[in-house]
Amino acid sequence: MELDKIENILEKYFQGETTIAEENELKEYFSSPNVAQHLEQYKPMFGYFSQVKQQKTTQEIPLQSKKQNVAWLSIAASVVVLLGIGTFYFVSQKTTVPAVAQSELGTYDDPEEALAATQKALALLSNNVNVGIGSVQYIKEYEQSKNKIFKQ
């Protein structure tokens, strides 16, 4: 009778359906010397659980202080910010054009040369405006077609 009960509890144990009391009963049974021959294979498993439960560790686990990590993190962040400011300052100094060159921009001594440069600039502007006007013609054509199809 007891053997059938142990086998049923063992089957429930492997299905994960046992209670704590039933598991304690299994541990008691497998720690006793009179275990059935066909259940001997499970004896080391339950013996291991009771052996590990009694085992205590004496090794101390060192705790790391988070203050050191925070200090290094703040130092690293400061270095990154300083490098960013330095790089921005260096690049902005390199790309600025001297004031003398800006005041001389677009000035010509020869009036004919100035007229030629102005005509060239206006021709480029005119070409770009003509391209834009051509695009507007397509949009007007699309609007007319849309209005024919969808009478409002």
C-alpha atoms as a PDB file:
ATOM      1  CA  MET A   1       0.000   0.000   0.000  1.00  0.00           C
ATOM      2  CA  GLU A   2       2.710   2.458   0.986  1.00  0.00           C
ATOM      3  CA  LEU A   3       4.722   1.578  -2.132  1.00  0.00           C
ATOM      4  CA  ASP A   4       1.738   2.394  -4.372  1.00  0.00           C
ATOM      5  CA  LYS A   5       1.275   5.685  -2.533  1.00  0.00           C
ATOM      6  CA  ILE A   6       4.964   6.593  -2.978  1.00  0.00           C
ATOM      7  CA  GLU A   7       4.814   5.715  -6.684  1.00  0.00           C
ATOM      8  CA  ASN A   8       1.725   7.930  -7.123  1.00  0.00           C
ATOM      9  CA  ILE A   9       3.374  10.810  -5.277  1.00  0.00           C
ATOM     10  CA  LEU A  10       6.552  10.317  -7.316  1.00  0.00           C
ATOM     11  CA  GLU A  11       4.540  10.450 -10.532  1.00  0.00           C
ATOM     12  CA  LYS A  12       2.829  13.643  -9.354  1.00  0.00           C
ATOM     13  CA  TYR A  13       6.261  15.022  -8.388  1.00  0.00           C
ATOM     14  CA  PHE A  14       7.579  14.633 -11.921  1.00  0.00           C
ATOM     15  CA  GLN A  15       4.406  16.264 -13.266  1.00  0.00           C
ATOM     16  CA  GLY A  16       4.964  19.212 -10.888  1.00  0.00           C
ATOM     17  CA  GLU A  17       1.673  18.704  -9.034  1.00  0.00           C
ATOM     18  CA  THR A  18       2.838  17.767  -5.531  1.00  0.00           C
ATOM     19  CA  THR A  19       2.399  19.746  -2.359  1.00  0.00           C
ATOM     20  CA  ILE A  20       5.178  20.550   0.108  1.00  0.00           C
ATOM     21  CA  ALA A  21       3.899  17.833   2.475  1.00  0.00           C
ATOM     22  CA  GLU A  22       4.032  15.220  -0.282  1.00  0.00           C
ATOM     23  CA  GLU A  23       7.556  16.286  -1.238  1.00  0.00           C
ATOM     24  CA  ASN A  24       8.635  15.986   2.397  1.00  0.00           C
ATOM     25  CA  GLU A  25       7.115  12.515   2.461  1.00  0.00           C
ATOM     26  CA  LEU A  26       9.177  11.561  -0.605  1.00  0.00           C
ATOM     27  CA  LYS A  27      12.344  12.913   1.024  1.00  0.00           C
ATOM     28  CA  GLU A  28      11.668  10.896   4.179  1.00  0.00           C
ATOM     29  CA  TYR A  29      11.010   7.738   2.173  1.00  0.00           C
ATOM     30  CA  PHE A  30      14.163   8.025   0.059  1.00  0.00           C
ATOM     31  CA  SER A  31      16.335   8.880   3.075  1.00  0.00           C
ATOM     32  CA  SER A  32      15.238   5.687   4.844  1.00  0.00           C
ATOM     33  CA  PRO A  33      17.216   2.451   4.255  1.00  0.00           C
ATOM     34  CA  ASN A  34      14.224   0.392   3.002  1.00  0.00           C
ATOM     35  CA  VAL A  35      13.660   1.796  -0.507  1.00  0.00           C
ATOM     36  CA  ALA A  36      12.121  -0.480  -3.129  1.00  0.00           C
ATOM     37  CA  GLN A  37      14.565  -1.927  -5.647  1.00  0.00           C
ATOM     38  CA  HIS A  38      12.947  -0.333  -8.710  1.00  0.00           C
ATOM     39  CA  LEU A  39      12.952   3.112  -6.995  1.00  0.00           C
ATOM     40  CA  GLU A  40      16.643   3.033  -6.030  1.00  0.00           C
ATOM     41  CA  GLN A  41      17.494   5.202  -9.030  1.00  0.00           C
ATOM     42  CA  TYR A  42      15.701   8.201  -7.438  1.00  0.00           C
ATOM     43  CA  LYS A  43      17.437   7.873  -4.075  1.00  0.00           C
ATOM     44  CA  PRO A  44      20.538   9.963  -5.003  1.00  0.00           C
ATOM     45  CA  MET A  45      18.321  12.790  -6.232  1.00  0.00           C
ATOM     46  CA  PHE A  46      16.407  13.165  -2.972  1.00  0.00           C
ATOM     47  CA  GLY A  47      19.570  12.493  -0.988  1.00  0.00           C
ATOM     48  CA  TYR A  48      21.244  15.337  -2.825  1.00  0.00           C
ATOM     49  CA  PHE A  49      18.425  17.733  -1.914  1.00  0.00           C
ATOM     50  CA  SER A  50      18.759  16.980   1.807  1.00  0.00           C
ATOM     51  CA  GLN A  51      22.566  17.152   1.631  1.00  0.00           C
ATOM     52  CA  VAL A  52      22.556  20.522  -0.098  1.00  0.00           C
ATOM     53  CA  LYS A  53      20.009  21.864   2.354  1.00  0.00           C
ATOM     54  CA  GLN A  54      22.423  21.182   5.224  1.00  0.00           C
ATOM     55  CA  GLN A  55      25.394  22.652   3.396  1.00  0.00           C
ATOM     56  CA  LYS A  56      26.339  26.195   4.380  1.00  0.00           C
ATOM     57  CA  THR A  57      28.715  28.498   2.598  1.00  0.00           C
ATOM     58  CA  THR A  58      31.309  30.484   4.539  1.00  0.00           C
ATOM     59  CA  GLN A  59      32.721  32.428   1.643  1.00  0.00           C
ATOM     60  CA  GLU A  60      32.078  36.164   1.812  1.00  0.00           C
ATOM     61  CA  ILE A  61      30.915  37.914  -1.311  1.00  0.00           C
ATOM     62  CA  PRO A  62      32.620  41.300  -1.698  1.00  0.00           C
ATOM     63  CA  LEU A  63      30.243  44.138  -2.437  1.00  0.00           C
ATOM     64  CA  GLN A  64      31.386  46.741  -4.912  1.00  0.00           C
ATOM     65  CA  SER A  65      30.772  50.339  -4.083  1.00  0.00           C
ATOM     66  CA  LYS A  66      28.756  52.240  -6.661  1.00  0.00           C
ATOM     67  CA  LYS A  67      30.352  55.537  -5.664  1.00  0.00           C
ATOM     68  CA  GLN A  68      33.520  54.688  -7.589  1.00  0.00           C
ATOM     69  CA  ASN A  69      31.506  53.922 -10.715  1.00  0.00           C
ATOM     70  CA  VAL A  70      29.600  57.184 -10.415  1.00  0.00           C
ATOM     71  CA  ALA A  71      32.845  59.120  -9.974  1.00  0.00           C
ATOM     72  CA  TRP A  72      34.374  57.616 -13.097  1.00  0.00           C
ATOM     73  CA  LEU A  73      31.180  58.165 -15.021  1.00  0.00           C
ATOM     74  CA  SER A  74      31.091  61.859 -14.118  1.00  0.00           C
ATOM     75  CA  ILE A  75      34.762  62.280 -15.058  1.00  0.00           C
ATOM     76  CA  ALA A  76      34.157  60.600 -18.429  1.00  0.00           C
ATOM     77  CA  ALA A  77      31.105  62.786 -19.092  1.00  0.00           C
ATOM     78  CA  SER A  78      33.113  65.922 -18.283  1.00  0.00           C
ATOM     79  CA  VAL A  79      35.855  64.905 -20.710  1.00  0.00           C
ATOM     80  CA  VAL A  80      33.314  64.265 -23.484  1.00  0.00           C
ATOM     81  CA  VAL A  81      31.669  67.666 -22.931  1.00  0.00           C
ATOM     82  CA  LEU A  82      35.039  69.460 -22.960  1.00  0.00           C
ATOM     83  CA  LEU A  83      36.094  67.672 -26.143  1.00  0.00           C
ATOM     84  CA  GLY A  84      32.796  68.635 -27.783  1.00  0.00           C
ATOM     85  CA  ILE A  85      33.165  72.300 -26.839  1.00  0.00           C
ATOM     86  CA  GLY A  86      36.800  72.330 -27.950  1.00  0.00           C
ATOM     87  CA  THR A  87      35.976  70.730 -31.292  1.00  0.00           C
ATOM     88  CA  PHE A  88      33.117  73.171 -31.910  1.00  0.00           C
ATOM     89  CA  TYR A  89      35.328  76.163 -31.075  1.00  0.00           C
ATOM     90  CA  PHE A  90      38.176  74.874 -33.269  1.00  0.00           C
ATOM     91  CA  VAL A  91      35.925  74.189 -36.274  1.00  0.00           C
ATOM     92  CA  SER A  92      34.043  77.475 -35.969  1.00  0.00           C
ATOM     93  CA  GLN A  93      37.317  79.447 -35.859  1.00  0.00           C
ATOM     94  CA  LYS A  94      38.572  77.650 -38.950  1.00  0.00           C
ATOM     95  CA  THR A  95      35.450  78.205 -41.057  1.00  0.00           C
ATOM     96  CA  THR A  96      34.855  81.897 -40.358  1.00  0.00           C
ATOM     97  CA  VAL A  97      35.877  84.164 -43.229  1.00  0.00           C
ATOM     98  CA  PRO A  98      37.904  87.243 -42.340  1.00  0.00           C
ATOM     99  CA  ALA A  99      35.951  90.542 -42.275  1.00  0.00           C
ATOM    100  CA  VAL A 100      38.061  92.064 -45.056  1.00  0.00           C
ATOM    101  CA  ALA A 101      37.090  89.294 -47.478  1.00  0.00           C
ATOM    102  CA  GLN A 102      33.383  89.745 -46.661  1.00  0.00           C
ATOM    103  CA  SER A 103      33.490  93.484 -47.331  1.00  0.00           C
ATOM    104  CA  GLU A 104      35.109  92.908 -50.728  1.00  0.00           C
ATOM    105  CA  LEU A 105      32.581  90.310 -51.773  1.00  0.00           C
ATOM    106  CA  GLY A 106      30.791  91.325 -54.970  1.00  0.00           C
ATOM    107  CA  THR A 107      32.752  94.443 -55.756  1.00  0.00           C
ATOM    108  CA  TYR A 108      34.233  95.100 -59.185  1.00  0.00           C
ATOM    109  CA  ASP A 109      36.533  97.882 -60.328  1.00  0.00           C
ATOM    110  CA  ASP A 110      35.545  97.539 -63.989  1.00  0.00           C
ATOM    111  CA  PRO A 111      31.844  98.364 -64.697  1.00  0.00           C
ATOM    112  CA  GLU A 112      31.749  96.106 -67.786  1.00  0.00           C
ATOM    113  CA  GLU A 113      32.990  93.133 -65.759  1.00  0.00           C
ATOM    114  CA  ALA A 114      30.321  93.862 -63.128  1.00  0.00           C
ATOM    115  CA  LEU A 115      27.618  94.015 -65.835  1.00  0.00           C
ATOM    116  CA  ALA A 116      28.732  90.654 -67.291  1.00  0.00           C
ATOM    117  CA  ALA A 117      28.704  88.984 -63.835  1.00  0.00           C
ATOM    118  CA  THR A 118      25.259  90.424 -63.077  1.00  0.00           C
ATOM    119  CA  GLN A 119      23.846  89.222 -66.418  1.00  0.00           C
ATOM    120  CA  LYS A 120      25.286  85.744 -65.802  1.00  0.00           C
ATOM    121  CA  ALA A 121      23.711  85.574 -62.322  1.00  0.00           C
ATOM    122  CA  LEU A 122      20.333  86.776 -63.625  1.00  0.00           C
ATOM    123  CA  ALA A 123      20.437  84.232 -66.464  1.00  0.00           C
ATOM    124  CA  LEU A 124      20.958  81.403 -63.954  1.00  0.00           C
ATOM    125  CA  LEU A 125      18.096  82.726 -61.865  1.00  0.00           C
ATOM    126  CA  SER A 126      15.869  83.035 -64.935  1.00  0.00           C
ATOM    127  CA  ASN A 127      16.533  79.431 -65.967  1.00  0.00           C
ATOM    128  CA  ASN A 128      15.551  78.170 -62.522  1.00  0.00           C
ATOM    129  CA  VAL A 129      12.394  80.293 -62.479  1.00  0.00           C
ATOM    130  CA  ASN A 130      11.410  78.976 -65.936  1.00  0.00           C
ATOM    131  CA  VAL A 131      11.770  75.390 -64.671  1.00  0.00           C
ATOM    132  CA  GLY A 132       9.474  76.251 -61.776  1.00  0.00           C
ATOM    133  CA  ILE A 133       6.892  77.826 -64.083  1.00  0.00           C
ATOM    134  CA  GLY A 134       6.929  74.693 -66.265  1.00  0.00           C
ATOM    135  CA  SER A 135       6.155  72.617 -63.188  1.00  0.00           C
ATOM    136  CA  VAL A 136       3.240  74.893 -62.334  1.00  0.00           C
ATOM    137  CA  GLN A 137       1.821  74.278 -65.844  1.00  0.00           C
ATOM    138  CA  TYR A 138       1.727  70.525 -65.088  1.00  0.00           C
ATOM    139  CA  ILE A 139      -0.090  71.211 -61.829  1.00  0.00           C
ATOM    140  CA  LYS A 140      -2.678  73.396 -63.594  1.00  0.00           C
ATOM    141  CA  GLU A 141      -3.256  70.661 -66.166  1.00  0.00           C
ATOM    142  CA  TYR A 142      -3.720  68.123 -63.396  1.00  0.00           C
ATOM    143  CA  GLU A 143      -6.220  70.387 -61.630  1.00  0.00           C
ATOM    144  CA  GLN A 144      -8.251  70.777 -64.826  1.00  0.00           C
ATOM    145  CA  SER A 145      -8.336  67.018 -65.385  1.00  0.00           C
ATOM    146  CA  LYS A 146      -9.318  66.407 -61.787  1.00  0.00           C
ATOM    147  CA  ASN A 147     -12.139  68.949 -62.008  1.00  0.00           C
ATOM    148  CA  LYS A 148     -13.479  67.275 -65.175  1.00  0.00           C
ATOM    149  CA  ILE A 149     -13.488  63.853 -63.546  1.00  0.00           C
ATOM    150  CA  PHE A 150     -14.768  64.911 -60.135  1.00  0.00           C
ATOM    151  CA  LYS A 151     -17.406  67.504 -60.856  1.00  0.00           C
ATOM    152  CA  GLN A 152     -17.890  69.478 -57.698  1.00  0.00           C
END
